[in-house]
């Protein structure tokens, strides 16, 4: 047989591919996917979006970090 990518020949590569496929099948049989008949319920996070609209993120005065500031205090950013 001919060589590909160094010392591995084509015959050994074909056998290794079959081994990998067999290992995948065995894994799926041992650990099947979860199947449920119940509907998925999602939490309502819309209140978080409404609260976050009241704030903004700005650089802290002379510190380089960021801070959360109420929208009513934006005019005071950077002042002592």
N, C-alpha and C. Protein backbone atom coordinates (compact mmCIF):
# COMPACT_ATOMS: atom_id res chain seq x y z
N UNK A 1 0.83 -1.18 0.00
CA UNK A 1 0.00 0.00 0.00
C UNK A 1 0.87 1.24 0.00
N UNK A 2 0.32 2.34 -0.47
CA UNK A 2 1.05 3.59 -0.51
C UNK A 2 1.03 4.29 0.83
N UNK A 3 2.02 5.12 1.06
CA UNK A 3 2.13 5.87 2.32
C UNK A 3 1.49 7.25 2.17
N UNK A 4 0.86 7.70 3.22
CA UNK A 4 0.31 9.05 3.24
C UNK A 4 0.72 9.71 4.55
N UNK A 5 1.10 10.96 4.49
CA UNK A 5 1.44 11.74 5.68
C UNK A 5 2.41 11.00 6.60
N UNK A 6 3.56 10.65 6.10
CA UNK A 6 4.58 10.01 6.93
C UNK A 6 4.52 8.50 6.85
N UNK A 7 4.53 7.86 8.01
CA UNK A 7 4.64 6.40 8.03
C UNK A 7 3.31 5.67 8.04
N UNK A 8 2.20 6.33 8.22
CA UNK A 8 0.90 5.66 8.26
C UNK A 8 0.46 5.30 6.85
N UNK A 9 0.16 4.05 6.61
CA UNK A 9 -0.27 3.68 5.26
C UNK A 9 -1.79 3.76 5.16
N UNK A 10 -2.29 3.68 3.96
CA UNK A 10 -3.71 3.86 3.69
C UNK A 10 -4.54 2.79 4.38
N UNK A 11 -4.07 1.57 4.44
CA UNK A 11 -4.81 0.48 5.06
C UNK A 11 -5.05 0.76 6.55
N UNK A 12 -4.04 1.20 7.28
CA UNK A 12 -4.20 1.48 8.71
C UNK A 12 -5.12 2.67 8.94
N UNK A 13 -5.07 3.64 8.06
CA UNK A 13 -5.94 4.80 8.20
C UNK A 13 -7.40 4.40 8.05
N UNK A 14 -7.72 3.53 7.13
CA UNK A 14 -9.09 3.06 6.93
C UNK A 14 -9.57 2.31 8.17
N UNK A 15 -8.74 1.47 8.74
CA UNK A 15 -9.13 0.72 9.93
C UNK A 15 -9.38 1.67 11.10
N UNK A 16 -8.55 2.69 11.26
CA UNK A 16 -8.72 3.63 12.37
C UNK A 16 -10.03 4.41 12.21
N UNK A 17 -10.40 4.75 10.99
CA UNK A 17 -11.66 5.45 10.75
C UNK A 17 -12.84 4.58 11.19
N UNK A 18 -12.79 3.31 10.87
CA UNK A 18 -13.86 2.40 11.28
C UNK A 18 -13.91 2.27 12.79
N UNK A 19 -12.76 2.28 13.45
CA UNK A 19 -12.72 2.20 14.91
C UNK A 19 -13.37 3.44 15.53
N UNK A 20 -13.08 4.60 14.97
CA UNK A 20 -13.65 5.84 15.49
C UNK A 20 -15.17 5.85 15.34
N UNK A 21 -15.67 5.39 14.22
CA UNK A 21 -17.11 5.32 13.98
C UNK A 21 -17.76 4.35 14.97
N UNK A 22 -17.12 3.21 15.22
CA UNK A 22 -17.65 2.22 16.15
C UNK A 22 -17.66 2.77 17.58
N UNK A 23 -16.62 3.51 17.96
CA UNK A 23 -16.57 4.11 19.29
C UNK A 23 -17.70 5.13 19.45
N UNK A 24 -17.98 5.90 18.40
CA UNK A 24 -19.07 6.88 18.46
C UNK A 24 -20.42 6.21 18.63
N UNK A 25 -20.65 5.12 17.92
CA UNK A 25 -21.91 4.39 18.06
C UNK A 25 -22.07 3.81 19.45
N UNK A 26 -20.98 3.25 19.99
CA UNK A 26 -21.03 2.68 21.34
C UNK A 26 -21.32 3.76 22.37
N UNK A 27 -20.73 4.91 22.20
CA UNK A 27 -20.95 6.02 23.14
C UNK A 27 -22.41 6.47 23.10
N UNK A 28 -22.99 6.60 21.91
CA UNK A 28 -24.39 7.02 21.79
C UNK A 28 -25.34 5.98 22.39
N UNK A 29 -25.00 4.69 22.28
CA UNK A 29 -25.85 3.66 22.87
C UNK A 29 -25.76 3.70 24.39
N UNK A 30 -24.56 3.95 24.92
CA UNK A 30 -24.36 3.99 26.37
C UNK A 30 -24.97 5.25 26.97
N UNK A 31 -24.86 6.39 26.28
CA UNK A 31 -25.36 7.67 26.77
C UNK A 31 -26.33 8.26 25.75
N UNK A 32 -27.58 7.80 25.74
CA UNK A 32 -28.54 8.32 24.76
C UNK A 32 -28.94 9.76 25.08
N UNK A 33 -29.45 10.46 24.09
CA UNK A 33 -29.92 11.83 24.26
C UNK A 33 -31.17 11.84 25.13
N UNK A 34 -31.38 12.94 25.84
CA UNK A 34 -32.55 13.08 26.69
C UNK A 34 -33.77 13.40 25.83
N UNK A 35 -34.81 12.63 26.01
CA UNK A 35 -36.05 12.85 25.27
C UNK A 35 -37.16 13.09 26.30
N UNK A 36 -37.85 14.20 26.15
CA UNK A 36 -38.90 14.55 27.10
C UNK A 36 -40.16 14.94 26.35
N UNK A 37 -41.28 14.58 26.92
CA UNK A 37 -42.57 14.97 26.33
C UNK A 37 -43.10 16.25 26.96
N UNK A 38 -42.41 16.74 28.01
CA UNK A 38 -42.85 17.96 28.68
C UNK A 38 -42.41 19.18 27.87
N UNK A 39 -43.23 20.23 27.84
CA UNK A 39 -42.82 21.46 27.15
C UNK A 39 -41.72 22.17 27.94
N UNK A 40 -40.87 22.87 27.25
CA UNK A 40 -39.80 23.62 27.90
C UNK A 40 -40.36 24.96 28.37
N UNK A 41 -40.11 25.27 29.63
CA UNK A 41 -40.60 26.53 30.19
C UNK A 41 -39.42 27.48 30.35
N UNK A 42 -39.58 28.70 29.88
CA UNK A 42 -38.54 29.71 29.97
C UNK A 42 -38.94 30.77 30.98
N UNK A 43 -37.94 31.28 31.71
CA UNK A 43 -38.21 32.34 32.66
C UNK A 43 -38.38 33.67 31.93
N UNK A 44 -39.18 34.53 32.51
CA UNK A 44 -39.40 35.85 31.93
C UNK A 44 -38.33 36.81 32.47
N UNK A 45 -37.43 37.28 31.60
CA UNK A 45 -36.36 38.19 32.00
C UNK A 45 -36.59 39.61 31.50
N UNK A 46 -37.80 39.91 31.07
CA UNK A 46 -38.07 41.24 30.52
C UNK A 46 -37.96 42.33 31.59
N UNK A 47 -38.20 41.98 32.85
CA UNK A 47 -38.09 42.99 33.91
C UNK A 47 -36.65 43.47 34.05
N UNK A 48 -35.66 42.62 33.79
CA UNK A 48 -34.27 43.03 33.88
C UNK A 48 -33.95 44.10 32.83
N UNK A 49 -34.52 43.94 31.66
CA UNK A 49 -34.29 44.91 30.59
C UNK A 49 -34.91 46.26 30.94
N UNK A 50 -36.07 46.24 31.56
CA UNK A 50 -36.72 47.49 31.96
C UNK A 50 -35.91 48.21 33.04
N UNK A 51 -35.37 47.47 33.99
CA UNK A 51 -34.56 48.08 35.06
C UNK A 51 -33.26 48.62 34.49
N UNK A 52 -32.62 47.88 33.58
CA UNK A 52 -31.34 48.33 33.04
C UNK A 52 -31.47 49.58 32.17
N UNK A 53 -32.66 49.88 31.68
CA UNK A 53 -32.86 51.10 30.91
C UNK A 53 -32.72 52.36 31.78
N UNK A 54 -32.77 52.19 33.09
CA UNK A 54 -32.67 53.32 34.01
C UNK A 54 -31.22 53.66 34.35
N UNK A 55 -30.26 52.88 33.87
CA UNK A 55 -28.86 53.07 34.23
C UNK A 55 -27.97 53.13 32.99
N UNK A 56 -26.76 53.66 33.18
CA UNK A 56 -25.76 53.67 32.12
C UNK A 56 -24.42 53.29 32.73
N UNK A 57 -23.44 52.93 31.91
CA UNK A 57 -22.11 52.56 32.37
C UNK A 57 -21.15 53.65 31.93
N UNK A 58 -20.32 54.15 32.85
CA UNK A 58 -19.39 55.22 32.54
C UNK A 58 -18.07 54.97 33.27
N UNK A 59 -17.02 55.67 32.81
CA UNK A 59 -15.71 55.56 33.45
C UNK A 59 -15.76 56.30 34.78
N UNK A 60 -15.25 55.65 35.83
CA UNK A 60 -15.21 56.30 37.14
C UNK A 60 -14.22 57.46 37.11
N UNK A 61 -14.47 58.51 37.86
CA UNK A 61 -13.63 59.70 37.85
C UNK A 61 -12.20 59.36 38.26
N UNK A 62 -11.24 59.58 37.36
CA UNK A 62 -9.81 59.45 37.61
C UNK A 62 -9.40 58.05 38.08
N UNK A 63 -10.15 57.02 37.73
CA UNK A 63 -9.82 55.67 38.19
C UNK A 63 -9.55 54.71 37.03
N UNK A 64 -10.18 54.89 35.91
CA UNK A 64 -9.97 54.02 34.77
C UNK A 64 -10.94 52.85 34.71
N UNK A 65 -11.63 52.57 35.81
CA UNK A 65 -12.62 51.49 35.83
C UNK A 65 -13.97 52.00 35.39
N UNK A 66 -14.95 51.12 35.37
CA UNK A 66 -16.30 51.50 34.97
C UNK A 66 -17.23 51.42 36.17
N UNK A 67 -18.28 52.22 36.14
CA UNK A 67 -19.28 52.19 37.18
C UNK A 67 -20.66 52.32 36.57
N UNK A 68 -21.65 51.85 37.28
CA UNK A 68 -23.04 51.96 36.83
C UNK A 68 -23.63 53.21 37.47
N UNK A 69 -24.21 54.05 36.63
CA UNK A 69 -24.73 55.34 37.08
C UNK A 69 -26.20 55.45 36.66
N UNK A 70 -27.05 55.95 37.56
CA UNK A 70 -28.44 56.20 37.16
C UNK A 70 -28.49 57.27 36.07
N UNK A 71 -29.44 57.17 35.17
CA UNK A 71 -29.57 58.13 34.07
C UNK A 71 -29.78 59.55 34.59
N UNK A 72 -30.32 59.69 35.77
CA UNK A 72 -30.54 61.03 36.32
C UNK A 72 -29.24 61.70 36.75
N UNK A 73 -28.16 60.94 36.91
CA UNK A 73 -26.89 61.48 37.39
C UNK A 73 -25.84 61.59 36.28
N UNK A 74 -26.21 61.41 35.03
CA UNK A 74 -25.26 61.46 33.92
C UNK A 74 -24.58 62.82 33.82
N UNK A 75 -25.28 63.90 34.14
CA UNK A 75 -24.69 65.24 34.03
C UNK A 75 -23.56 65.45 35.03
N UNK A 76 -23.44 64.60 36.05
CA UNK A 76 -22.41 64.74 37.06
C UNK A 76 -21.19 63.85 36.82
N UNK A 77 -21.14 63.13 35.72
CA UNK A 77 -20.01 62.23 35.43
C UNK A 77 -18.73 63.06 35.28
N UNK A 78 -17.69 62.67 35.97
CA UNK A 78 -16.40 63.34 35.86
C UNK A 78 -16.23 64.53 36.78
N UNK A 79 -17.23 64.85 37.56
CA UNK A 79 -17.13 65.98 38.49
C UNK A 79 -16.87 65.44 39.88
N UNK A 80 -16.22 66.26 40.67
CA UNK A 80 -15.99 65.88 42.08
C UNK A 80 -17.16 66.28 42.93
